């Protein structure tokens, strides 16, 4: 009987979907009753392995299979979902890791594996309730801004510290979870792609080069309110017109960048009435690229364009940074191992960056050698109940991810 059973992973994903989803999709929002139900179900699965299971100070749940060496291979994922989310986002990573842990446990019944293997369920990767993604992994990596996080509230006015306390987590000590990385030698994560690249290439699996860096800004154009009927077109100082010119320009900026993306995601106007020229227009701009130089160039070009359009329209423009994270390129040797594992499993691999952020970005930022593997997403869609992947591809990704884990164990041993 084979030690690895990818079909079991697919069955368990369906089991979790039935337990914690409804007709609208997955409902495992972090720190809620449904999330706790999912965690209890997951812990039952781990009990059969007789591994050490314990939460850390940030609420991340660790399962540890001790090895002959304390040097540790970490496999990560997350049970939490967005409201009305898909059945694979986050939990595929974790349940594939569970199957790998079973394989290693069965393979090394007589003696310990050569390195310690740990499986972690990160707490609140999605940030769906409080708007702060990667909570558990950023606490563990040390990058969490405590003042910012302390002030977060959900739509009911409940603060993040109070919500954490309700599930047994003390906010002020969450960064103590960083002790879990003491012997970390490599971090692996499997994820649905969430986009259409592998789908369009008709490929099941890809090796991830890293996560995009992000520049996120609010841009406010200010002009002059005036009556829409009595103000000639050539006398207007229309803030919306300047902002509108920026919209097609960001597509050109992204095209010139060689792989970047730019998005104006929101637009608000004042006074916001049909009978007035727009006095103030605020847009948000999200820019992402894997190359930090290219990301900086995209930002500079967008800023210059906004200033040019403001001058042309006789208005002013001001920028406010909302958020920034540097690109997180993954470890080149682990990328090569991931490529090899995929090629050995399905015959062909493809390297691609990740536009969305993942917990892997925090582990990479903490200095842990990191790589991710993507599996094709049908429709190129996630965070939606229609999120899906062919069962054949799910089974292949579990098999390829297991190959990657075994190769990485050998890589860790060779570096000791």
Protein backbone atom coordinates (compact mmCIF):
# COMPACT_ATOMS: atom_id res chain seq x y z
CA UNK A 1 0.00 0.00 0.00
CA UNK A 2 1.49 3.42 -0.93
CA UNK A 3 2.47 5.63 1.98
CA UNK A 4 1.04 8.75 0.28
CA UNK A 5 -2.65 8.88 -0.62
CA UNK A 6 -3.55 12.08 -2.54
CA UNK A 7 -7.14 10.87 -2.96
CA UNK A 8 -7.51 11.03 0.81
CA UNK A 9 -6.55 14.72 0.69
CA UNK A 10 -9.30 15.41 -1.84
CA UNK A 11 -11.80 13.51 0.32
CA UNK A 12 -10.80 15.49 3.39
CA UNK A 13 -11.12 18.78 1.52
CA UNK A 14 -14.70 17.79 0.65
CA UNK A 15 -15.31 16.76 4.26
CA UNK A 16 -14.13 20.16 5.51
CA UNK A 17 -16.29 21.90 2.90
CA UNK A 18 -19.37 20.05 4.12
CA UNK A 19 -18.55 20.82 7.76
CA UNK A 20 -17.81 24.54 7.48
CA UNK A 21 -19.44 25.78 4.26
CA UNK A 22 -22.94 26.56 3.05
CA UNK A 23 -24.64 27.34 -0.25
CA UNK A 24 -22.67 30.60 -0.40
CA UNK A 25 -19.22 29.03 0.09
CA UNK A 26 -16.67 28.59 2.88
CA UNK A 27 -17.37 30.41 6.17
CA UNK A 28 -14.21 29.79 8.19
CA UNK A 29 -13.48 33.42 9.10
CA UNK A 30 -10.69 33.50 11.69
CA UNK A 31 -11.51 33.71 15.39
CA UNK A 32 -15.15 32.71 14.84
CA UNK A 33 -17.07 29.63 15.98
CA UNK A 34 -16.86 28.04 12.51
CA UNK A 35 -13.08 28.53 12.44
CA UNK A 36 -12.83 26.86 15.87
CA UNK A 37 -14.95 23.98 14.56
CA UNK A 38 -12.53 23.57 11.63
CA UNK A 39 -9.57 23.59 13.99
CA UNK A 40 -11.15 20.91 16.19
CA UNK A 41 -11.76 18.74 13.10
CA UNK A 42 -8.16 19.24 12.00
CA UNK A 43 -6.76 18.34 15.43
CA UNK A 44 -8.70 15.08 15.31
CA UNK A 45 -6.89 14.23 12.07
CA UNK A 46 -3.54 14.92 13.72
CA UNK A 47 -4.27 12.74 16.76
CA UNK A 48 -3.77 9.54 14.76
CA UNK A 49 -0.15 10.56 14.04
CA UNK A 50 0.90 10.99 17.67
CA UNK A 51 2.69 14.21 16.79
CA UNK A 52 3.17 17.09 19.20
CA UNK A 53 0.35 19.60 18.65
CA UNK A 54 0.35 23.00 20.33
CA UNK A 55 -0.64 26.60 19.61
CA UNK A 56 1.89 29.40 19.83
CA UNK A 57 1.46 32.85 21.35
CA UNK A 58 -0.21 34.20 18.19
CA UNK A 59 -2.71 31.36 17.85
CA UNK A 60 -0.84 29.56 15.08
CA UNK A 61 -1.25 25.79 15.51
CA UNK A 62 1.91 23.69 15.16
CA UNK A 63 2.18 19.91 14.65
CA UNK A 64 5.72 18.64 15.20
CA UNK A 65 7.31 15.35 14.16
CA UNK A 66 10.73 15.34 15.86
CA UNK A 67 13.68 14.30 13.74
CA UNK A 68 17.26 13.20 14.28
CA UNK A 69 18.23 16.85 13.77
CA UNK A 70 16.52 19.89 15.27
CA UNK A 71 16.88 21.59 11.87
CA UNK A 72 13.30 21.96 10.73
CA UNK A 73 11.30 21.74 7.53
CA UNK A 74 8.13 23.82 7.96
CA UNK A 75 5.07 23.24 5.77
CA UNK A 76 2.42 25.94 6.12
CA UNK A 77 -1.18 26.67 5.26
CA UNK A 78 -4.31 28.17 6.81
CA UNK A 79 -7.78 26.94 7.65
CA UNK A 80 -9.37 30.39 7.77
CA UNK A 81 -11.27 31.68 4.76
CA UNK A 82 -12.92 34.84 3.55
CA UNK A 83 -16.73 34.95 3.96
CA UNK A 84 -18.40 33.03 1.13
CA UNK A 85 -14.97 31.83 0.06
CA UNK A 86 -13.74 28.91 -1.98
CA UNK A 87 -13.21 25.33 -0.82
CA UNK A 88 -9.46 25.19 -1.54
CA UNK A 89 -7.88 28.52 -0.62
CA UNK A 90 -5.56 27.93 2.33
CA UNK A 91 -6.88 24.57 3.44
CA UNK A 92 -5.41 22.74 0.42
CA UNK A 93 -1.96 23.75 1.66
CA UNK A 94 -2.66 22.42 5.12
CA UNK A 95 -4.32 19.14 4.17
CA UNK A 96 -1.65 18.33 1.58
CA UNK A 97 0.89 19.00 4.33
CA UNK A 98 -1.06 16.67 6.61
CA UNK A 99 -0.82 13.89 4.02
CA UNK A 100 2.93 14.47 3.72
CA UNK A 101 3.26 14.33 7.50
CA UNK A 102 1.42 11.00 7.42
CA UNK A 103 3.80 9.69 4.78
CA UNK A 104 6.89 10.73 6.72
CA UNK A 105 5.44 9.35 9.95
CA UNK A 106 4.77 5.98 8.29
CA UNK A 107 8.14 5.89 6.55
CA UNK A 108 10.06 6.53 9.75
CA UNK A 109 8.19 4.36 12.24
CA UNK A 110 11.36 2.63 13.39
CA UNK A 111 13.72 5.60 13.41
CA UNK A 112 13.32 9.34 13.37
CA UNK A 113 13.28 11.27 10.10
CA UNK A 114 16.62 12.97 9.36
CA UNK A 115 15.22 16.44 10.20
CA UNK A 116 12.32 17.70 12.26
CA UNK A 117 9.14 18.30 10.25
CA UNK A 118 6.51 20.81 11.36
CA UNK A 119 3.10 21.62 9.92
CA UNK A 120 1.63 25.02 10.83
CA UNK A 121 -1.90 26.34 10.49
CA UNK A 122 -1.39 30.11 10.40
CA UNK A 123 -4.02 32.16 12.23
CA UNK A 124 -5.95 34.67 10.13
CA UNK A 125 -4.05 34.68 6.87
CA UNK A 126 -7.01 36.28 5.10
CA UNK A 127 -7.60 39.26 7.38
CA UNK A 128 -11.29 39.08 6.45
CA UNK A 129 -12.66 40.26 9.79
CA UNK A 130 -10.22 43.02 10.74
CA UNK A 131 -8.64 43.94 7.40
CA UNK A 132 -5.15 42.82 8.47
CA UNK A 133 -3.86 39.95 6.34
CA UNK A 134 -1.12 37.53 7.45
CA UNK A 135 -1.74 38.18 11.15
CA UNK A 136 -0.30 34.96 12.56
CA UNK A 137 2.68 34.72 10.24
CA UNK A 138 3.56 38.42 10.60
CA UNK A 139 3.46 38.07 14.38
CA UNK A 140 5.76 35.06 14.06
CA UNK A 141 8.14 36.82 11.65
CA UNK A 142 8.21 39.92 13.87
CA UNK A 143 6.92 42.33 11.21
CA UNK A 144 3.48 42.90 12.78
CA UNK A 145 2.87 46.56 13.62
CA UNK A 146 1.46 46.22 17.12
CA UNK A 147 0.07 49.76 17.40
CA UNK A 148 -1.73 49.45 14.10
CA UNK A 149 -3.09 45.99 14.94
CA UNK A 150 -4.21 47.05 18.41
CA UNK A 151 -6.51 49.68 16.89
CA UNK A 152 -8.22 47.36 14.40
CA UNK A 153 -11.97 46.83 14.78
CA UNK A 154 -14.45 44.62 12.96
CA UNK A 155 -17.79 45.85 11.58
CA UNK A 156 -19.40 45.32 15.00
CA UNK A 157 -16.82 47.50 16.74
CA UNK A 158 -15.01 44.59 18.41
CA UNK A 159 -11.26 45.21 18.65
CA UNK A 160 -8.72 42.67 17.48
CA UNK A 161 -7.26 42.25 21.01
CA UNK A 162 -10.74 41.52 22.40
CA UNK A 163 -11.50 39.01 19.63
CA UNK A 164 -8.19 37.27 20.28
CA UNK A 165 -8.87 37.14 24.01
CA UNK A 166 -12.20 35.42 23.31
CA UNK A 167 -10.31 32.51 21.71
CA UNK A 168 -7.55 32.36 24.31
CA UNK A 169 -4.89 34.54 22.65
CA UNK A 170 -3.25 37.41 24.53
CA UNK A 171 -2.54 40.19 22.07
CA UNK A 172 0.41 41.79 23.87
CA UNK A 173 2.55 38.65 23.63
CA UNK A 174 1.75 37.49 20.07
CA UNK A 175 5.28 38.24 18.84
CA UNK A 176 6.62 35.61 21.24
CA UNK A 177 5.52 33.18 18.53
CA UNK A 178 8.79 34.05 16.77
CA UNK A 179 10.49 31.46 18.98
CA UNK A 180 8.93 28.82 16.70
CA UNK A 181 11.38 29.76 13.94
CA UNK A 182 14.51 29.05 16.00
CA UNK A 183 15.55 25.99 13.98
CA UNK A 184 13.71 26.75 10.73
CA UNK A 185 15.77 25.54 7.77
CA UNK A 186 13.17 25.77 4.97
CA UNK A 187 9.54 26.72 4.47
CA UNK A 188 7.22 25.21 1.84
CA UNK A 189 3.73 26.23 0.85
CA UNK A 190 1.30 24.87 -1.72
CA UNK A 191 -1.55 27.03 -2.99
CA UNK A 192 -4.10 27.32 -5.72
CA UNK A 193 -2.85 29.92 -8.19
CA UNK A 194 -5.92 32.16 -7.78
CA UNK A 195 -5.25 33.54 -11.27
CA UNK A 196 -5.40 32.36 -14.90
CA UNK A 197 -1.73 31.91 -15.90
CA UNK A 198 -1.51 28.12 -15.54
CA UNK A 199 -5.06 27.78 -16.88
CA UNK A 200 -4.20 29.73 -20.02
CA UNK A 201 -1.03 27.66 -20.50
CA UNK A 202 -3.00 24.43 -19.88
CA UNK A 203 -0.49 23.39 -17.22
CA UNK A 204 -1.40 21.82 -13.87
CA UNK A 205 1.49 23.06 -11.68
CA UNK A 206 3.99 25.88 -11.40
CA UNK A 207 6.99 26.88 -9.28
CA UNK A 208 6.58 30.30 -7.67
CA UNK A 209 9.43 32.80 -8.02
CA UNK A 210 8.32 35.00 -5.14
CA UNK A 211 5.56 37.37 -4.08
CA UNK A 212 5.09 40.78 -5.63
CA UNK A 213 6.12 43.88 -3.79
CA UNK A 214 3.24 46.30 -3.27
CA UNK A 215 2.97 50.08 -3.37
CA UNK A 216 -0.50 51.25 -2.32
CA UNK A 217 -1.40 54.95 -2.30
CA UNK A 218 -4.34 57.31 -2.05
CA UNK A 219 -4.14 60.11 -4.63
CA UNK A 220 -6.26 63.22 -4.08
CA UNK A 221 -6.86 65.76 -6.84
CA UNK A 222 -8.29 69.12 -5.71
CA UNK A 223 -9.93 71.62 -8.01
CA UNK A 224 -12.87 73.97 -7.60
CA UNK A 225 -16.56 73.30 -7.20
CA UNK A 226 -18.71 75.21 -9.70
CA UNK A 227 -22.23 75.06 -11.09
CA UNK A 228 -22.51 72.44 -13.80
CA UNK A 229 -24.82 74.59 -15.88
CA UNK A 230 -23.21 78.03 -15.68
CA UNK A 231 -19.50 77.14 -15.83
CA UNK A 232 -18.04 76.98 -19.37
CA UNK A 233 -15.95 73.89 -20.09
CA UNK A 234 -12.77 75.92 -20.60
CA UNK A 235 -13.11 77.63 -17.21
CA UNK A 236 -13.44 74.49 -15.08
CA UNK A 237 -10.96 73.12 -12.56
CA UNK A 238 -12.33 69.59 -12.61
CA UNK A 239 -10.57 67.25 -10.17
CA UNK A 240 -12.32 64.24 -11.66
CA UNK A 241 -11.00 64.97 -15.15
CA UNK A 242 -7.40 64.84 -13.93
CA UNK A 243 -8.05 61.60 -12.06
CA UNK A 244 -9.81 60.10 -15.07
CA UNK A 245 -6.77 60.73 -17.27
CA UNK A 246 -4.68 58.68 -14.82
CA UNK A 247 -6.81 55.55 -15.31
CA UNK A 248 -5.65 54.60 -18.84
CA UNK A 249 -2.12 55.79 -18.06
CA UNK A 250 -1.60 53.20 -15.32
CA UNK A 251 -2.30 50.47 -17.87
CA UNK A 252 0.50 51.85 -20.03
CA UNK A 253 2.78 52.04 -16.98
CA UNK A 254 2.05 48.39 -16.18
CA UNK A 255 2.61 47.37 -19.81
CA UNK A 256 6.03 49.08 -19.90
CA UNK A 257 7.08 47.52 -16.59
CA UNK A 258 7.47 43.99 -17.95
CA UNK A 259 5.31 41.97 -15.60
CA UNK A 260 3.83 44.48 -13.17
CA UNK A 261 0.19 45.30 -12.46
CA UNK A 262 -1.54 48.57 -11.57
CA UNK A 263 -5.09 49.00 -10.30
CA UNK A 264 -7.24 51.98 -9.42
CA UNK A 265 -9.58 50.27 -7.01
CA UNK A 266 -11.75 53.07 -5.66
CA UNK A 267 -12.86 56.58 -6.55
CA UNK A 268 -14.77 59.10 -4.42
CA UNK A 269 -15.76 62.64 -5.33
CA UNK A 270 -16.84 65.80 -3.52
CA UNK A 271 -19.30 67.42 -3.41
CA UNK A 272 -20.59 64.34 -5.22
CA UNK A 273 -23.75 65.88 -6.67
CA UNK A 274 -24.95 65.92 -10.26
CA UNK A 275 -25.11 69.74 -10.49
CA UNK A 276 -21.49 70.50 -9.48
CA UNK A 277 -18.08 70.25 -11.09
CA UNK A 278 -15.97 67.93 -8.93
CA UNK A 279 -13.90 69.83 -6.37
CA UNK A 280 -12.09 66.82 -4.92
CA UNK A 281 -11.46 63.37 -6.34
CA UNK A 282 -9.68 60.66 -4.32
CA UNK A 283 -8.56 57.45 -5.99
CA UNK A 284 -6.58 54.52 -4.62
CA UNK A 285 -3.74 53.03 -6.64
CA UNK A 286 -2.33 49.54 -6.07
CA UNK A 287 0.95 48.70 -7.90
CA UNK A 288 2.74 45.34 -7.75
CA UNK A 289 5.92 43.89 -9.23
CA UNK A 290 8.44 41.19 -8.37
CA UNK A 291 11.41 43.45 -9.24
CA UNK A 292 11.96 46.24 -6.68
CA UNK A 293 13.59 48.52 -9.28
CA UNK A 294 10.67 48.10 -11.65
CA UNK A 295 8.21 48.67 -8.80
CA UNK A 296 9.96 51.92 -7.91
CA UNK A 297 9.90 53.01 -11.54
CA UNK A 298 6.17 52.26 -11.80
CA UNK A 299 5.53 54.42 -8.75
CA UNK A 300 7.65 57.30 -10.06
CA UNK A 301 5.90 57.18 -13.45
CA UNK A 302 2.45 57.21 -11.87
CA UNK A 303 3.36 60.14 -9.64
CA UNK A 304 4.78 62.10 -12.58
CA UNK A 305 1.69 61.38 -14.67
CA UNK A 306 -0.64 62.55 -11.90
CA UNK A 307 1.30 65.81 -11.57
CA UNK A 308 1.17 66.35 -15.34
CA UNK A 309 -2.59 65.81 -15.49
CA UNK A 310 -3.08 68.11 -12.48
CA UNK A 311 -1.15 70.91 -14.20
CA UNK A 312 -3.11 70.44 -17.41
CA UNK A 313 -6.39 70.78 -15.53
CA UNK A 314 -5.41 73.61 -13.21
CA UNK A 315 -5.82 71.44 -10.11
CA UNK A 316 -3.49 70.15 -7.40
CA UNK A 317 -2.58 66.60 -6.46
CA UNK A 318 -1.36 65.02 -3.21
CA UNK A 319 -0.19 61.47 -2.50
CA UNK A 320 -0.59 59.45 0.70
CA UNK A 321 1.07 56.06 1.15
CA UNK A 322 -1.38 53.49 2.48
CA UNK A 323 0.86 50.45 2.56
CA UNK A 324 4.14 49.07 1.26
CA UNK A 325 5.81 45.69 1.22
CA UNK A 326 9.01 44.88 -0.60
CA UNK A 327 9.12 42.08 -3.20
CA UNK A 328 9.94 38.74 -1.62
CA UNK A 329 11.92 36.58 -4.07
CA UNK A 330 12.05 32.93 -3.03
CA UNK A 331 15.19 30.85 -2.59
CA UNK A 332 16.70 29.98 -5.99
CA UNK A 333 17.81 26.48 -4.95
CA UNK A 334 14.36 25.67 -3.57
CA UNK A 335 12.74 27.04 -6.75
CA UNK A 336 14.92 24.60 -8.71
CA UNK A 337 13.85 21.73 -6.41
CA UNK A 338 10.21 22.74 -6.87
CA UNK A 339 10.66 22.78 -10.65
CA UNK A 340 12.21 19.31 -10.53
CA UNK A 341 9.45 17.90 -8.31
CA UNK A 342 6.78 19.22 -10.68
CA UNK A 343 8.56 17.97 -13.81
CA UNK A 344 9.01 14.51 -12.30
CA UNK A 345 5.30 14.39 -11.43
CA UNK A 346 3.56 15.87 -14.49
CA UNK A 347 6.30 16.23 -17.10
CA UNK A 348 6.47 20.01 -17.41
CA UNK A 349 6.78 22.97 -15.07
CA UNK A 350 6.37 26.73 -15.37
CA UNK A 351 7.86 29.49 -13.21
CA UNK A 352 5.64 32.42 -12.27
CA UNK A 353 5.38 35.12 -9.61
CA UNK A 354 2.57 35.44 -7.10
CA UNK A 355 0.52 38.61 -7.25
CA UNK A 356 -1.37 37.90 -4.01
CA UNK A 357 0.54 37.81 -0.74
CA UNK A 358 0.85 34.62 1.27
CA UNK A 359 2.26 33.57 4.63
CA UNK A 360 5.30 32.44 2.64
CA UNK A 361 6.15 36.12 2.13
CA UNK A 362 6.48 36.57 5.89
CA UNK A 363 8.67 33.49 6.26
CA UNK A 364 10.85 34.68 3.39
CA UNK A 365 11.07 38.12 5.01
CA UNK A 366 12.15 36.47 8.28
CA UNK A 367 15.12 34.93 6.50
CA UNK A 368 13.80 31.37 6.18
CA UNK A 369 14.61 29.79 2.77
CA UNK A 370 11.19 29.62 1.14
CA UNK A 371 9.38 28.42 -1.96
CA UNK A 372 5.78 27.95 -3.05
CA UNK A 373 4.09 25.63 -5.52
CA UNK A 374 0.95 26.63 -7.44
CA UNK A 375 -1.76 24.38 -8.82
CA UNK A 376 -4.05 25.53 -11.62
CA UNK A 377 -7.26 27.36 -10.72
CA UNK A 378 -10.28 26.75 -12.93
CA UNK A 379 -11.80 30.07 -14.06
CA UNK A 380 -8.70 31.81 -12.63
CA UNK A 381 -10.91 32.74 -9.66
CA UNK A 382 -10.65 32.48 -5.88
CA UNK A 383 -12.31 34.13 -2.85
CA UNK A 384 -15.54 32.98 -4.47
CA UNK A 385 -17.73 29.89 -4.13
CA UNK A 386 -16.98 28.99 -7.77
CA UNK A 387 -13.29 28.56 -6.91
CA UNK A 388 -12.26 25.12 -8.17
CA UNK A 389 -9.45 22.88 -9.40
CA UNK A 390 -9.68 19.57 -11.27
CA UNK A 391 -9.44 16.61 -8.91
CA UNK A 392 -6.73 15.15 -11.14
CA UNK A 393 -4.68 18.30 -10.59
CA UNK A 394 -5.33 18.23 -6.85
CA UNK A 395 -3.97 14.71 -6.64
CA UNK A 396 -0.98 15.67 -8.77
CA UNK A 397 -0.18 18.68 -6.61
CA UNK A 398 -0.17 16.55 -3.45
CA UNK A 399 2.21 14.09 -5.11
CA UNK A 400 4.48 16.85 -6.43
CA UNK A 401 4.45 18.71 -3.11
CA UNK A 402 5.48 15.49 -1.36
CA UNK A 403 8.39 15.12 -3.79
CA UNK A 404 9.37 18.70 -3.02
CA UNK A 405 9.27 18.00 0.72
CA UNK A 406 11.51 14.96 0.32
CA UNK A 407 13.97 16.87 -1.87
CA UNK A 408 14.02 19.72 0.64
CA UNK A 409 14.77 17.36 3.51
CA UNK A 410 17.77 16.14 1.54
CA UNK A 411 18.76 19.75 0.83
CA UNK A 412 18.63 20.60 4.55
CA UNK A 413 20.73 17.55 5.46
CA UNK A 414 23.33 18.43 2.83
CA UNK A 415 23.66 21.96 4.28
CA UNK A 416 24.24 20.82 7.88
